[in-house]
PDB file of N, CA and C in Angstrom:
ATOM      1  N   MET A   1      21.136   4.006  29.341  1.00  0.00           N
ATOM      2  CA  MET A   1      21.670   3.602  28.065  1.00  0.00           C
ATOM      3  C   MET A   1      22.029   2.119  28.030  1.00  0.00           C
ATOM      4  N   THR A   2      22.333   1.542  29.176  1.00  0.00           N
ATOM      5  CA  THR A   2      22.626   0.111  29.178  1.00  0.00           C
ATOM      6  C   THR A   2      21.376  -0.703  28.847  1.00  0.00           C
ATOM      7  N   LEU A   3      20.222  -0.086  29.068  1.00  0.00           N
ATOM      8  CA  LEU A   3      18.975  -0.760  28.712  1.00  0.00           C
ATOM      9  C   LEU A   3      18.916  -1.006  27.208  1.00  0.00           C
ATOM     10  N   PHE A   4      19.476  -0.079  26.401  1.00  0.00           N
ATOM     11  CA  PHE A   4      19.542  -0.275  24.956  1.00  0.00           C
ATOM     12  C   PHE A   4      20.309  -1.546  24.610  1.00  0.00           C
ATOM     13  N   PHE A   5      21.379  -1.808  25.348  1.00  0.00           N
ATOM     14  CA  PHE A   5      22.189  -2.992  25.103  1.00  0.00           C
ATOM     15  C   PHE A   5      21.368  -4.261  25.298  1.00  0.00           C
ATOM     16  N   TYR A   6      20.653  -4.331  26.396  1.00  0.00           N
ATOM     17  CA  TYR A   6      19.881  -5.537  26.691  1.00  0.00           C
ATOM     18  C   TYR A   6      18.659  -5.688  25.778  1.00  0.00           C
ATOM     19  N   ILE A   7      17.997  -4.590  25.481  1.00  0.00           N
ATOM     20  CA  ILE A   7      16.857  -4.649  24.568  1.00  0.00           C
ATOM     21  C   ILE A   7      17.334  -5.037  23.164  1.00  0.00           C
ATOM     22  N   GLY A   8      18.461  -4.470  22.739  1.00  0.00           N
ATOM     23  CA  GLY A   8      19.023  -4.807  21.434  1.00  0.00           C
ATOM     24  C   GLY A   8      19.411  -6.272  21.345  1.00  0.00           C
ATOM     25  N   GLY A   9      20.009  -6.803  22.401  1.00  0.00           N
ATOM     26  CA  GLY A   9      20.349  -8.223  22.412  1.00  0.00           C
ATOM     27  C   GLY A   9      19.116  -9.095  22.318  1.00  0.00           C
ATOM     28  N   GLY A  10      18.068  -8.714  23.026  1.00  0.00           N
ATOM     29  CA  GLY A  10      16.816  -9.463  22.951  1.00  0.00           C
ATOM     30  C   GLY A  10      16.193  -9.401  21.571  1.00  0.00           C
ATOM     31  N   MET A  11      16.249  -8.223  20.952  1.00  0.00           N
ATOM     32  CA  MET A  11      15.707  -8.086  19.604  1.00  0.00           C
ATOM     33  C   MET A  11      16.496  -8.925  18.597  1.00  0.00           C
ATOM     34  N   MET A  12      17.801  -9.010  18.789  1.00  0.00           N
ATOM     35  CA  MET A  12      18.618  -9.835  17.898  1.00  0.00           C
ATOM     36  C   MET A  12      18.263 -11.309  18.031  1.00  0.00           C
ATOM     37  N   VAL A  13      18.033 -11.747  19.250  1.00  0.00           N
ATOM     38  CA  VAL A  13      17.657 -13.152  19.471  1.00  0.00           C
ATOM     39  C   VAL A  13      16.300 -13.442  18.836  1.00  0.00           C
ATOM     40  N   VAL A  14      15.342 -12.544  19.032  1.00  0.00           N
ATOM     41  CA  VAL A  14      14.005 -12.744  18.458  1.00  0.00           C
ATOM     42  C   VAL A  14      14.068 -12.714  16.934  1.00  0.00           C
ATOM     43  N   GLY A  15      14.880 -11.821  16.368  1.00  0.00           N
ATOM     44  CA  GLY A  15      15.034 -11.766  14.914  1.00  0.00           C
ATOM     45  C   GLY A  15      15.665 -13.025  14.347  1.00  0.00           C
ATOM     46  N   ALA A  16      16.675 -13.550  15.039  1.00  0.00           N
ATOM     47  CA  ALA A  16      17.329 -14.776  14.579  1.00  0.00           C
ATOM     48  C   ALA A  16      16.375 -15.966  14.650  1.00  0.00           C
ATOM     49  N   ILE A  17      15.592 -16.036  15.710  1.00  0.00           N
ATOM     50  CA  ILE A  17      14.609 -17.114  15.831  1.00  0.00           C
ATOM     51  C   ILE A  17      13.523 -16.957  14.776  1.00  0.00           C
ATOM     52  N   GLY A  18      13.117 -15.719  14.506  1.00  0.00           N
ATOM     53  CA  GLY A  18      12.125 -15.471  13.462  1.00  0.00           C
ATOM     54  C   GLY A  18      12.617 -15.882  12.088  1.00  0.00           C
ATOM     55  N   LEU A  19      13.886 -15.635  11.815  1.00  0.00           N
ATOM     56  CA  LEU A  19      14.458 -16.060  10.544  1.00  0.00           C
ATOM     57  C   LEU A  19      14.491 -17.573  10.439  1.00  0.00           C
ATOM     58  N   LEU A  20      14.799 -18.219  11.534  1.00  0.00           N
ATOM     59  CA  LEU A  20      14.811 -19.683  11.554  1.00  0.00           C
ATOM     60  C   LEU A  20      13.405 -20.245  11.365  1.00  0.00           C
ATOM     61  N   ILE A  21      12.418 -19.619  11.972  1.00  0.00           N
ATOM     62  CA  ILE A  21      11.030 -20.060  11.798  1.00  0.00           C
ATOM     63  C   ILE A  21      10.594 -19.876  10.346  1.00  0.00           C
ATOM     64  N   ALA A  22      10.976 -18.747   9.736  1.00  0.00           N
ATOM     65  CA  ALA A  22      10.638 -18.523   8.324  1.00  0.00           C
ATOM     66  C   ALA A  22      11.286 -19.573   7.434  1.00  0.00           C
ATOM     67  N   ALA A  23      12.498 -19.967   7.766  1.00  0.00           N
ATOM     68  CA  ALA A  23      13.172 -20.995   6.971  1.00  0.00           C
ATOM     69  C   ALA A  23      12.466 -22.339   7.112  1.00  0.00           C
ATOM     70  N   PHE A  24      12.067 -22.704   8.324  1.00  0.00           N
ATOM     71  CA  PHE A  24      11.361 -23.974   8.515  1.00  0.00           C
ATOM     72  C   PHE A  24       9.976 -23.943   7.873  1.00  0.00           C
ATOM     73  N   ARG A  25       9.334 -22.782   7.823  1.00  0.00           N
ATOM     74  CA  ARG A  25       8.030 -22.694   7.151  1.00  0.00           C
ATOM     75  C   ARG A  25       8.162 -22.891   5.655  1.00  0.00           C
ATOM     76  N   THR A  26       9.286 -22.441   5.107  1.00  0.00           N
ATOM     77  CA  THR A  26       9.509 -22.612   3.674  1.00  0.00           C
ATOM     78  C   THR A  26       9.768 -24.074   3.344  1.00  0.00           C
ATOM     79  N   SER A  27      10.677 -24.690   4.084  1.00  0.00           N
ATOM     80  CA  SER A  27      11.011 -26.087   3.842  1.00  0.00           C
ATOM     81  C   SER A  27      11.787 -26.606   5.048  1.00  0.00           C
ATOM     82  N   PHE A  28      11.611 -27.874   5.318  1.00  0.00           N
ATOM     83  CA  PHE A  28      12.362 -28.472   6.429  1.00  0.00           C
ATOM     84  C   PHE A  28      13.861 -28.422   6.163  1.00  0.00           C
ATOM     85  N   LEU A  29      14.247 -28.626   4.904  1.00  0.00           N
ATOM     86  CA  LEU A  29      15.675 -28.609   4.565  1.00  0.00           C
ATOM     87  C   LEU A  29      16.276 -27.207   4.690  1.00  0.00           C
ATOM     88  N   TRP A  30      15.512 -26.166   4.321  1.00  0.00           N
ATOM     89  CA  TRP A  30      15.993 -24.806   4.529  1.00  0.00           C
ATOM     90  C   TRP A  30      16.195 -24.534   6.012  1.00  0.00           C
ATOM     91  N   GLY A  31      15.247 -24.934   6.817  1.00  0.00           N
ATOM     92  CA  GLY A  31      15.355 -24.721   8.250  1.00  0.00           C
ATOM     93  C   GLY A  31      16.526 -25.462   8.857  1.00  0.00           C
ATOM     94  N   LEU A  32      16.694 -26.703   8.447  1.00  0.00           N
ATOM     95  CA  LEU A  32      17.805 -27.491   8.953  1.00  0.00           C
ATOM     96  C   LEU A  32      19.144 -26.907   8.504  1.00  0.00           C
ATOM     97  N   GLY A  33      19.189 -26.460   7.260  1.00  0.00           N
ATOM     98  CA  GLY A  33      20.413 -25.843   6.759  1.00  0.00           C
ATOM     99  C   GLY A  33      20.748 -24.557   7.491  1.00  0.00           C
ATOM    100  N   CYS A  34      19.735 -23.729   7.740  1.00  0.00           N
ATOM    101  CA  CYS A  34      19.959 -22.472   8.472  1.00  0.00           C
ATOM    102  C   CYS A  34      20.370 -22.732   9.915  1.00  0.00           C
ATOM    103  N   LEU A  35      19.888 -23.803  10.465  1.00  0.00           N
ATOM    104  CA  LEU A  35      20.226 -24.137  11.843  1.00  0.00           C
ATOM    105  C   LEU A  35      21.646 -24.675  11.974  1.00  0.00           C
ATOM    106  N   LEU A  36      22.099 -25.431  11.005  1.00  0.00           N
ATOM    107  CA  LEU A  36      23.373 -26.130  11.134  1.00  0.00           C
ATOM    108  C   LEU A  36      24.541 -25.492  10.370  1.00  0.00           C
ATOM    109  N   ILE A  37      24.256 -24.797   9.272  1.00  0.00           N
ATOM    110  CA  ILE A  37      25.315 -24.237   8.430  1.00  0.00           C
ATOM    111  C   ILE A  37      25.142 -22.719   8.386  1.00  0.00           C
ATOM    112  N   PRO A  38      26.110 -21.960   8.884  1.00  0.00           N
ATOM    113  CA  PRO A  38      25.938 -20.507   9.035  1.00  0.00           C
ATOM    114  C   PRO A  38      25.630 -19.744   7.744  1.00  0.00           C
ATOM    115  N   LEU A  39      26.275 -20.029   6.644  1.00  0.00           N
ATOM    116  CA  LEU A  39      26.062 -19.245   5.428  1.00  0.00           C
ATOM    117  C   LEU A  39      24.750 -19.553   4.721  1.00  0.00           C
ATOM    118  N   VAL A  40      24.122 -20.634   5.073  1.00  0.00           N
ATOM    119  CA  VAL A  40      22.843 -20.984   4.441  1.00  0.00           C
ATOM    120  C   VAL A  40      21.767 -19.963   4.814  1.00  0.00           C
ATOM    121  N   SER A  41      21.818 -19.429   6.010  1.00  0.00           N
ATOM    122  CA  SER A  41      20.826 -18.419   6.396  1.00  0.00           C
ATOM    123  C   SER A  41      20.984 -17.139   5.578  1.00  0.00           C
ATOM    124  N   LEU A  42      22.193 -16.794   5.200  1.00  0.00           N
ATOM    125  CA  LEU A  42      22.413 -15.641   4.331  1.00  0.00           C
ATOM    126  C   LEU A  42      21.871 -15.905   2.934  1.00  0.00           C
ATOM    127  N   ILE A  43      22.085 -17.111   2.433  1.00  0.00           N
ATOM    128  CA  ILE A  43      21.533 -17.490   1.131  1.00  0.00           C
ATOM    129  C   ILE A  43      20.013 -17.492   1.190  1.00  0.00           C
ATOM    130  N   PHE A  44      19.459 -18.022   2.283  1.00  0.00           N
ATOM    131  CA  PHE A  44      18.002 -18.027   2.452  1.00  0.00           C
ATOM    132  C   PHE A  44      17.455 -16.604   2.452  1.00  0.00           C
ATOM    133  N   LEU A  45      18.169 -15.696   3.069  1.00  0.00           N
ATOM    134  CA  LEU A  45      17.734 -14.300   3.127  1.00  0.00           C
ATOM    135  C   LEU A  45      17.594 -13.712   1.728  1.00  0.00           C
ATOM    136  N   PHE A  46      18.550 -13.979   0.853  1.00  0.00           N
ATOM    137  CA  PHE A  46      18.491 -13.433  -0.497  1.00  0.00           C
ATOM    138  C   PHE A  46      17.481 -14.159  -1.383  1.00  0.00           C
ATOM    139  N   VAL A  47      17.379 -15.456  -1.236  1.00  0.00           N
ATOM    140  CA  VAL A  47      16.484 -16.226  -2.096  1.00  0.00           C
ATOM    141  C   VAL A  47      15.021 -16.026  -1.705  1.00  0.00           C
ATOM    142  N   HIS A  48      14.742 -15.952  -0.417  1.00  0.00           N
ATOM    143  CA  HIS A  48      13.373 -15.822   0.083  1.00  0.00           C
ATOM    144  C   HIS A  48      13.214 -14.499   0.833  1.00  0.00           C
ATOM    145  N   TRP A  49      13.508 -13.403   0.145  1.00  0.00           N
ATOM    146  CA  TRP A  49      13.495 -12.083   0.766  1.00  0.00           C
ATOM    147  C   TRP A  49      12.126 -11.738   1.343  1.00  0.00           C
ATOM    148  N   SER A  50      11.060 -12.054   0.651  1.00  0.00           N
ATOM    149  CA  SER A  50       9.725 -11.659   1.116  1.00  0.00           C
ATOM    150  C   SER A  50       9.361 -12.309   2.447  1.00  0.00           C
ATOM    151  N   GLU A  51       9.816 -13.527   2.689  1.00  0.00           N
ATOM    152  CA  GLU A  51       9.532 -14.197   3.956  1.00  0.00           C
ATOM    153  C   GLU A  51      10.520 -13.792   5.059  1.00  0.00           C
ATOM    154  N   ALA A  52      11.736 -13.425   4.678  1.00  0.00           N
ATOM    155  CA  ALA A  52      12.798 -13.226   5.659  1.00  0.00           C
ATOM    156  C   ALA A  52      13.079 -11.770   5.995  1.00  0.00           C
ATOM    157  N   LYS A  53      12.433 -10.820   5.316  1.00  0.00           N
ATOM    158  CA  LYS A  53      12.809  -9.422   5.518  1.00  0.00           C
ATOM    159  C   LYS A  53      12.416  -8.888   6.892  1.00  0.00           C
ATOM    160  N   ASN A  54      11.259  -9.251   7.421  1.00  0.00           N
ATOM    161  CA  ASN A  54      10.850  -8.725   8.730  1.00  0.00           C
ATOM    162  C   ASN A  54      11.752  -9.207   9.867  1.00  0.00           C
ATOM    163  N   PRO A  55      12.062 -10.503   9.964  1.00  0.00           N
ATOM    164  CA  PRO A  55      13.005 -10.911  11.013  1.00  0.00           C
ATOM    165  C   PRO A  55      14.399 -10.312  10.818  1.00  0.00           C
ATOM    166  N   PHE A  56      14.807 -10.129   9.571  1.00  0.00           N
ATOM    167  CA  PHE A  56      16.115  -9.545   9.295  1.00  0.00           C
ATOM    168  C   PHE A  56      16.174  -8.094   9.759  1.00  0.00           C
ATOM    169  N   PHE A  57      15.137  -7.320   9.481  1.00  0.00           N
ATOM    170  CA  PHE A  57      15.133  -5.922   9.916  1.00  0.00           C
ATOM    171  C   PHE A  57      15.035  -5.812  11.436  1.00  0.00           C
ATOM    172  N   LEU A  58      14.327  -6.729  12.071  1.00  0.00           N
ATOM    173  CA  LEU A  58      14.287  -6.750  13.528  1.00  0.00           C
ATOM    174  C   LEU A  58      15.684  -7.043  14.079  1.00  0.00           C
ATOM    175  N   TYR A  59      16.392  -7.968  13.459  1.00  0.00           N
ATOM    176  CA  TYR A  59      17.759  -8.293  13.855  1.00  0.00           C
ATOM    177  C   TYR A  59      18.670  -7.077  13.681  1.00  0.00           C
ATOM    178  N   LEU A  60      18.527  -6.366  12.570  1.00  0.00           N
ATOM    179  CA  LEU A  60      19.353  -5.176  12.331  1.00  0.00           C
ATOM    180  C   LEU A  60      19.059  -4.067  13.334  1.00  0.00           C
ATOM    181  N   ALA A  61      17.787  -3.871  13.654  1.00  0.00           N
ATOM    182  CA  ALA A  61      17.431  -2.855  14.644  1.00  0.00           C
ATOM    183  C   ALA A  61      17.996  -3.219  16.013  1.00  0.00           C
ATOM    184  N   GLY A  62      17.951  -4.486  16.349  1.00  0.00           N
ATOM    185  CA  GLY A  62      18.541  -4.932  17.606  1.00  0.00           C
ATOM    186  C   GLY A  62      20.039  -4.735  17.631  1.00  0.00           C
ATOM    187  N   MET A  63      20.683  -4.967  16.502  1.00  0.00           N
ATOM    188  CA  MET A  63      22.124  -4.755  16.430  1.00  0.00           C
ATOM    189  C   MET A  63      22.472  -3.280  16.608  1.00  0.00           C
ATOM    190  N   ALA A  64      21.659  -2.402  16.056  1.00  0.00           N
ATOM    191  CA  ALA A  64      21.889  -0.968  16.208  1.00  0.00           C
ATOM    192  C   ALA A  64      21.734  -0.554  17.677  1.00  0.00           C
ATOM    193  N   LEU A  65      20.691  -1.039  18.333  1.00  0.00           N
ATOM    194  CA  LEU A  65      20.505  -0.715  19.748  1.00  0.00           C
ATOM    195  C   LEU A  65      21.631  -1.280  20.600  1.00  0.00           C
ATOM    196  N   LEU A  66      22.080  -2.471  20.284  1.00  0.00           N
ATOM    197  CA  LEU A  66      23.184  -3.068  21.016  1.00  0.00           C
ATOM    198  C   LEU A  66      24.456  -2.243  20.832  1.00  0.00           C
ATOM    199  N   ALA A  67      24.689  -1.763  19.627  1.00  0.00           N
ATOM    200  CA  ALA A  67      25.874  -0.945  19.364  1.00  0.00           C
ATOM    201  C   ALA A  67      25.793   0.406  20.067  1.00  0.00           C
ATOM    202  N   ILE A  68      24.593   0.953  20.196  1.00  0.00           N
ATOM    203  CA  ILE A  68      24.434   2.222  20.906  1.00  0.00           C
ATOM    204  C   ILE A  68      24.664   2.034  22.401  1.00  0.00           C
ATOM    205  N   GLY A  69      24.185   0.952  22.959  1.00  0.00           N
ATOM    206  CA  GLY A  69      24.287   0.736  24.395  1.00  0.00           C
ATOM    207  C   GLY A  69      25.596   0.154  24.865  1.00  0.00           C
ATOM    208  N   ALA A  70      26.360  -0.465  23.974  1.00  0.00           N
ATOM    209  CA  ALA A  70      27.590  -1.150  24.375  1.00  0.00           C
ATOM    210  C   ALA A  70      28.640  -0.239  25.007  1.00  0.00           C
ATOM    211  N   PRO A  71      28.884   0.960  24.490  1.00  0.00           N
ATOM    212  CA  PRO A  71      29.915   1.801  25.120  1.00  0.00           C
ATOM    213  C   PRO A  71      29.581   2.237  26.546  1.00  0.00           C
ATOM    214  N   PHE A  72      28.338   2.204  26.900  1.00  0.00           N
ATOM    215  CA  PHE A  72      27.923   2.662  28.229  1.00  0.00           C
ATOM    216  C   PHE A  72      27.911   1.547  29.273  1.00  0.00           C
ATOM    217  N   LEU A  73      28.220   0.315  28.861  1.00  0.00           N
ATOM    218  CA  LEU A  73      28.191  -0.807  29.797  1.00  0.00           C
ATOM    219  C   LEU A  73      29.252  -0.679  30.897  1.00  0.00           C
ATOM    220  N   SER A  74      30.432  -0.237  30.563  1.00  0.00           N
ATOM    221  CA  SER A  74      31.492  -0.157  31.566  1.00  0.00           C
ATOM    222  C   SER A  74      31.225   0.954  32.577  1.00  0.00           C
ATOM    223  N   HIS A  75      30.441   1.955  32.219  1.00  0.00           N
ATOM    224  CA  HIS A  75      30.134   3.052  33.131  1.00  0.00           C
ATOM    225  C   HIS A  75      28.994   2.745  34.074  1.00  0.00           C
ATOM    226  N   ALA A  76      28.303   1.639  33.848  1.00  0.00           N
ATOM    227  CA  ALA A  76      27.139   1.305  34.679  1.00  0.00           C
ATOM    228  C   ALA A  76      27.539   0.717  36.021  1.00  0.00           C
ATOM    229  N   ARG A  77      28.740   0.255  36.175  1.00  0.00           N
ATOM    230  CA  ARG A  77      29.138  -0.412  37.417  1.00  0.00           C
ATOM    231  C   ARG A  77      29.596   0.538  38.445  1.00  0.00           C
TER     232      ARG A  77
END
């Protein structure tokens, strides 16, 4: 079950990077804003849903796996 934690964390990182790549593909300013200002990525998600939905769902799936695996981390030692 701890494997879920690590796989989920990796999926979250890949999803976040994918969202950043989608923002830079749309515009340099969107990408820069998403990189430097936290709430801009949320605005980008709503404004450019068609480009950002796949990385967002990957991020959500990773978060779910991380939440499933997190309680079992202390028992792994």
